[in-house]
Amino acid sequence: MRTTLTIDDELLHLAKRLAHERGTTLKKVVEDALRAALFERREESASPFRLVTFGGDGLLEGIDLDRTSELLAAEDRERYGQKS
């Protein structure tokens, strides 16, 4: 695809010099730089999520977290000091 870009003179000079040093075209240098910048940004946004957990007092040990009644009972025990 053909497009027109306005590039800072110093940046253009450096890109042309790099193309000459590499024995390639200005187009290739610009494409490679753009790909590198876009790939780097994609990697930054896809950084792994880290879940931080804290040790508890064992309140939920042995409770099936899929059973609402067990969770509510555990909350009641914690809040009101009731024994199960």
Protein backbone atom coordinates (compact mmCIF):
# COMPACT_ATOMS: atom_id res chain seq x y z
CA MET A 1 0.00 0.00 0.00
CA ARG A 2 1.32 3.41 -0.88
CA THR A 3 1.10 6.31 1.57
CA THR A 4 2.81 9.61 2.29
CA LEU A 5 4.54 10.36 5.58
CA THR A 6 6.06 13.59 6.78
CA ILE A 7 9.23 12.71 8.68
CA ASP A 8 11.58 14.93 10.65
CA ASP A 9 14.69 15.74 8.56
CA GLU A 10 17.15 14.37 11.12
CA LEU A 11 15.12 11.17 11.52
CA LEU A 12 14.97 10.72 7.76
CA HIS A 13 18.73 11.24 7.50
CA LEU A 14 19.37 8.60 10.18
CA ALA A 15 16.97 6.14 8.53
CA LYS A 16 18.62 6.61 5.13
CA ARG A 17 22.05 6.11 6.67
CA LEU A 18 20.87 2.92 8.40
CA ALA A 19 19.40 1.65 5.12
CA HIS A 20 22.74 2.31 3.40
CA GLU A 21 24.69 0.56 6.18
CA ARG A 22 22.41 -2.47 6.01
CA GLY A 23 22.37 -2.53 2.22
CA THR A 24 18.60 -2.28 2.14
CA THR A 25 15.92 0.25 1.25
CA LEU A 26 14.49 3.14 3.25
CA LYS A 27 11.10 1.45 2.91
CA LYS A 28 12.42 -1.70 4.61
CA VAL A 29 14.00 0.28 7.47
CA VAL A 30 10.75 2.19 8.10
CA GLU A 31 8.65 -1.00 7.93
CA ASP A 32 10.99 -2.83 10.32
CA ALA A 33 10.97 0.07 12.79
CA LEU A 34 7.19 0.32 12.68
CA ARG A 35 6.78 -3.43 13.17
CA ALA A 36 9.19 -3.38 16.12
CA ALA A 37 7.36 -0.47 17.74
CA LEU A 38 3.94 -2.08 17.29
CA PHE A 39 5.14 -5.50 18.48
CA GLU A 40 6.77 -3.96 21.57
CA ARG A 41 3.55 -2.17 22.44
CA ARG A 42 1.52 -5.35 22.00
CA GLU A 43 3.89 -7.22 24.35
CA GLU A 44 3.57 -4.49 26.99
CA SER A 45 -0.20 -4.66 26.96
CA ALA A 46 -0.22 -8.45 27.09
CA SER A 47 1.87 -8.76 30.20
CA PRO A 48 0.75 -11.63 32.40
CA PHE A 49 -1.70 -10.87 35.15
CA ARG A 50 -0.41 -11.66 38.61
CA LEU A 51 -2.92 -12.37 41.33
CA VAL A 52 -1.69 -11.39 44.76
CA THR A 53 -3.16 -13.42 47.60
CA PHE A 54 -2.82 -13.08 51.33
CA GLY A 55 -2.81 -15.77 53.96
CA GLY A 56 -6.04 -16.07 55.85
CA ASP A 57 -7.11 -17.51 59.13
CA GLY A 58 -8.37 -20.69 57.56
CA LEU A 59 -11.94 -19.39 57.46
CA LEU A 60 -12.69 -20.90 54.06
CA GLU A 61 -10.72 -24.12 54.42
CA GLY A 62 -12.86 -27.11 53.52
CA ILE A 63 -15.71 -24.97 52.13
CA ASP A 64 -17.05 -25.69 48.66
CA LEU A 65 -16.93 -22.22 47.11
CA ASP A 66 -19.59 -23.25 44.60
CA ARG A 67 -22.16 -23.70 47.39
CA THR A 68 -23.62 -20.36 48.40
CA SER A 69 -25.02 -21.68 51.67
CA GLU A 70 -21.53 -22.67 52.85
CA LEU A 71 -20.14 -19.25 52.01
CA LEU A 72 -22.99 -17.49 53.83
CA ALA A 73 -22.55 -19.72 56.87
CA ALA A 74 -18.81 -18.95 56.95
CA GLU A 75 -19.57 -15.22 56.76
CA ASP A 76 -22.08 -15.54 59.61
CA ARG A 77 -19.53 -17.40 61.73
CA GLU A 78 -16.95 -14.70 61.11
CA ARG A 79 -19.34 -11.82 61.68
CA TYR A 80 -21.28 -13.15 64.66
CA GLY A 81 -18.88 -15.68 66.10
CA GLN A 82 -21.33 -18.53 65.64
CA LYS A 83 -20.12 -22.09 65.73
CA SER A 84 -21.11 -24.52 63.01
